[in-house]
Amino acid sequence: SEDVLSKDAGECAICLEELQQGDTIARLPCLCIYHKGQVFLRMHVKVQNVAFMGCIDEWFEVNRSCPEHPSD
């Protein structure tokens, strides 16, 4: 299901970016969470944020299971 993160929750296992309060996320049945929808990379260099499709959206283009629980 799609939701908005209410507090920081560590690292996204797909893109390795931090899951931060206010990010749009997908919560899978196994309760793992990943970026959903449009995501902005938070780069530590002097460039503007780069937008891309949500991590879990791209993952599900080629996979049908949780990245951290593939046997579920």
N, C-alpha and C. Protein backbone atom coordinates (compact mmCIF):
# COMPACT_ATOMS: atom_id res chain seq x y z
N SER A 1 0.84 -1.18 0.00
CA SER A 1 0.00 0.00 0.00
C SER A 1 0.88 1.24 0.00
N GLU A 2 0.36 2.35 -0.54
CA GLU A 2 1.12 3.59 -0.61
C GLU A 2 0.84 4.44 0.62
N ASP A 3 1.87 5.09 1.13
CA ASP A 3 1.74 5.84 2.36
C ASP A 3 2.81 6.94 2.37
N VAL A 4 2.72 7.86 3.32
CA VAL A 4 3.74 8.88 3.53
C VAL A 4 4.44 8.57 4.84
N LEU A 5 5.74 8.54 4.79
CA LEU A 5 6.54 8.16 5.96
C LEU A 5 6.42 9.21 7.05
N SER A 6 6.07 8.78 8.27
CA SER A 6 5.86 9.71 9.38
C SER A 6 7.14 10.04 10.15
N LYS A 7 8.19 9.21 9.96
CA LYS A 7 9.48 9.48 10.60
C LYS A 7 10.58 8.81 9.79
N ASP A 8 11.81 9.26 9.95
CA ASP A 8 12.94 8.67 9.24
C ASP A 8 12.98 7.17 9.55
N ALA A 9 13.35 6.36 8.53
CA ALA A 9 13.30 4.91 8.72
C ALA A 9 14.50 4.18 8.15
N GLY A 10 15.66 4.80 8.16
CA GLY A 10 16.85 4.10 7.69
C GLY A 10 17.02 4.16 6.18
N GLU A 11 17.61 3.13 5.63
CA GLU A 11 18.03 3.13 4.23
C GLU A 11 17.11 2.28 3.37
N CYS A 12 16.79 2.76 2.17
CA CYS A 12 16.05 1.96 1.19
C CYS A 12 16.99 0.89 0.65
N ALA A 13 16.59 -0.36 0.70
CA ALA A 13 17.44 -1.46 0.27
C ALA A 13 17.64 -1.50 -1.24
N ILE A 14 16.86 -0.74 -1.99
CA ILE A 14 17.00 -0.73 -3.44
C ILE A 14 17.97 0.35 -3.90
N CYS A 15 17.73 1.62 -3.51
CA CYS A 15 18.57 2.73 -3.99
C CYS A 15 19.64 3.14 -2.98
N LEU A 16 19.53 2.66 -1.75
CA LEU A 16 20.47 2.95 -0.67
C LEU A 16 20.40 4.40 -0.19
N GLU A 17 19.37 5.14 -0.61
CA GLU A 17 19.12 6.49 -0.09
C GLU A 17 18.33 6.36 1.21
N GLU A 18 18.44 7.35 2.07
CA GLU A 18 17.70 7.35 3.33
C GLU A 18 16.20 7.49 3.07
N LEU A 19 15.41 6.76 3.82
CA LEU A 19 13.96 6.92 3.84
C LEU A 19 13.67 7.99 4.87
N GLN A 20 13.22 9.17 4.41
CA GLN A 20 13.08 10.30 5.30
C GLN A 20 11.61 10.67 5.49
N GLN A 21 11.34 11.27 6.65
CA GLN A 21 9.99 11.73 6.96
C GLN A 21 9.44 12.53 5.79
N GLY A 22 8.20 12.22 5.39
CA GLY A 22 7.55 12.90 4.28
C GLY A 22 7.71 12.21 2.94
N ASP A 23 8.64 11.24 2.83
CA ASP A 23 8.79 10.49 1.59
C ASP A 23 7.55 9.65 1.33
N THR A 24 7.17 9.51 0.06
CA THR A 24 6.10 8.59 -0.31
C THR A 24 6.71 7.20 -0.38
N ILE A 25 6.08 6.26 0.29
CA ILE A 25 6.62 4.90 0.38
C ILE A 25 5.56 3.87 -0.02
N ALA A 26 6.03 2.67 -0.32
CA ALA A 26 5.16 1.51 -0.47
C ALA A 26 5.49 0.57 0.67
N ARG A 27 4.44 0.11 1.35
CA ARG A 27 4.62 -0.85 2.45
C ARG A 27 4.11 -2.20 1.93
N LEU A 28 5.01 -3.17 1.82
CA LEU A 28 4.65 -4.48 1.30
C LEU A 28 4.00 -5.33 2.38
N PRO A 29 3.35 -6.43 2.01
CA PRO A 29 2.72 -7.30 3.02
C PRO A 29 3.68 -7.80 4.10
N CYS A 30 4.96 -7.93 3.75
CA CYS A 30 5.97 -8.37 4.73
C CYS A 30 6.39 -7.23 5.65
N LEU A 31 5.82 -6.03 5.45
CA LEU A 31 6.06 -4.80 6.21
C LEU A 31 7.35 -4.07 5.83
N CYS A 32 8.07 -4.54 4.82
CA CYS A 32 9.22 -3.80 4.31
C CYS A 32 8.72 -2.54 3.61
N ILE A 33 9.52 -1.47 3.66
CA ILE A 33 9.13 -0.23 3.00
C ILE A 33 10.21 0.23 2.03
N TYR A 34 9.76 0.84 0.94
CA TYR A 34 10.63 1.33 -0.13
C TYR A 34 10.06 2.62 -0.68
N HIS A 35 10.90 3.40 -1.37
CA HIS A 35 10.41 4.61 -2.03
C HIS A 35 9.35 4.24 -3.07
N LYS A 36 8.34 5.08 -3.18
CA LYS A 36 7.24 4.87 -4.14
C LYS A 36 6.99 6.19 -4.84
N GLY A 37 6.58 6.15 -6.09
CA GLY A 37 6.29 7.37 -6.82
C GLY A 37 7.58 8.09 -7.18
N GLN A 38 7.50 9.40 -7.35
CA GLN A 38 8.68 10.16 -7.75
C GLN A 38 9.61 10.35 -6.57
N VAL A 39 10.88 10.00 -6.76
CA VAL A 39 11.89 10.08 -5.72
C VAL A 39 12.96 11.08 -6.15
N PHE A 40 13.47 11.84 -5.21
CA PHE A 40 14.54 12.78 -5.50
C PHE A 40 15.80 12.32 -4.77
N LEU A 41 16.86 12.07 -5.53
CA LEU A 41 18.14 11.73 -4.90
C LEU A 41 18.65 12.95 -4.16
N ARG A 42 19.12 12.76 -2.98
CA ARG A 42 19.67 13.85 -2.18
C ARG A 42 21.19 13.81 -2.31
N MET A 43 21.71 14.42 -3.33
CA MET A 43 23.15 14.37 -3.60
C MET A 43 23.90 15.34 -2.70
N HIS A 44 25.11 14.97 -2.34
CA HIS A 44 25.94 15.80 -1.47
C HIS A 44 26.92 16.64 -2.28
N VAL A 45 26.59 16.90 -3.52
CA VAL A 45 27.42 17.77 -4.36
C VAL A 45 26.57 18.96 -4.79
N LYS A 46 27.18 19.96 -5.35
CA LYS A 46 26.44 21.19 -5.70
C LYS A 46 25.72 21.05 -7.03
N VAL A 47 24.72 20.16 -7.06
CA VAL A 47 23.83 20.02 -8.22
C VAL A 47 22.41 19.94 -7.69
N GLN A 48 21.46 20.13 -8.57
CA GLN A 48 20.07 20.04 -8.14
C GLN A 48 19.69 18.58 -7.94
N ASN A 49 18.62 18.37 -7.15
CA ASN A 49 18.12 17.02 -6.94
C ASN A 49 17.74 16.39 -8.27
N VAL A 50 17.91 15.08 -8.38
CA VAL A 50 17.59 14.35 -9.59
C VAL A 50 16.37 13.47 -9.30
N ALA A 51 15.32 13.60 -10.12
CA ALA A 51 14.10 12.81 -9.90
C ALA A 51 14.14 11.53 -10.74
N PHE A 52 13.59 10.46 -10.21
CA PHE A 52 13.44 9.22 -10.96
C PHE A 52 12.23 8.46 -10.44
N MET A 53 11.81 7.42 -11.17
CA MET A 53 10.66 6.63 -10.75
C MET A 53 10.96 5.96 -9.42
N GLY A 54 9.94 5.75 -8.60
CA GLY A 54 10.12 5.14 -7.29
C GLY A 54 10.81 3.79 -7.36
N CYS A 55 11.63 3.53 -6.37
CA CYS A 55 12.44 2.31 -6.33
C CYS A 55 11.60 1.05 -6.51
N ILE A 56 10.54 0.94 -5.73
CA ILE A 56 9.75 -0.29 -5.77
C ILE A 56 9.00 -0.41 -7.09
N ASP A 57 8.63 0.72 -7.70
CA ASP A 57 7.98 0.68 -9.01
C ASP A 57 8.91 0.06 -10.04
N GLU A 58 10.16 0.51 -10.06
CA GLU A 58 11.15 -0.05 -10.99
C GLU A 58 11.44 -1.51 -10.67
N TRP A 59 11.55 -1.84 -9.39
CA TRP A 59 11.82 -3.22 -8.97
C TRP A 59 10.72 -4.15 -9.49
N PHE A 60 9.46 -3.75 -9.35
CA PHE A 60 8.35 -4.60 -9.76
C PHE A 60 8.19 -4.69 -11.27
N GLU A 61 8.92 -3.85 -12.03
CA GLU A 61 8.92 -3.99 -13.49
C GLU A 61 9.55 -5.33 -13.89
N VAL A 62 10.49 -5.84 -13.10
CA VAL A 62 11.20 -7.07 -13.45
C VAL A 62 11.13 -8.16 -12.38
N ASN A 63 10.61 -7.84 -11.20
CA ASN A 63 10.54 -8.81 -10.09
C ASN A 63 9.13 -8.81 -9.51
N ARG A 64 8.74 -9.90 -8.89
CA ARG A 64 7.40 -9.99 -8.30
C ARG A 64 7.45 -10.27 -6.80
N SER A 65 8.60 -10.07 -6.17
CA SER A 65 8.71 -10.35 -4.74
C SER A 65 9.46 -9.22 -4.05
N CYS A 66 9.41 -9.23 -2.75
CA CYS A 66 10.14 -8.25 -1.94
C CYS A 66 11.64 -8.43 -2.16
N PRO A 67 12.39 -7.34 -2.33
CA PRO A 67 13.85 -7.46 -2.51
C PRO A 67 14.55 -8.12 -1.32
N GLU A 68 13.98 -7.96 -0.12
CA GLU A 68 14.61 -8.52 1.07
C GLU A 68 14.05 -9.87 1.48
N HIS A 69 12.90 -10.25 0.92
CA HIS A 69 12.26 -11.53 1.25
C HIS A 69 11.77 -12.20 -0.03
N PRO A 70 12.67 -12.61 -0.93
CA PRO A 70 12.26 -13.14 -2.23
C PRO A 70 11.47 -14.44 -2.17
N SER A 71 11.55 -15.17 -1.08
CA SER A 71 10.81 -16.43 -0.99
C SER A 71 9.40 -16.26 -0.47
N ASP A 72 9.05 -15.04 0.01
CA ASP A 72 7.70 -14.80 0.55
C ASP A 72 6.68 -14.66 -0.57
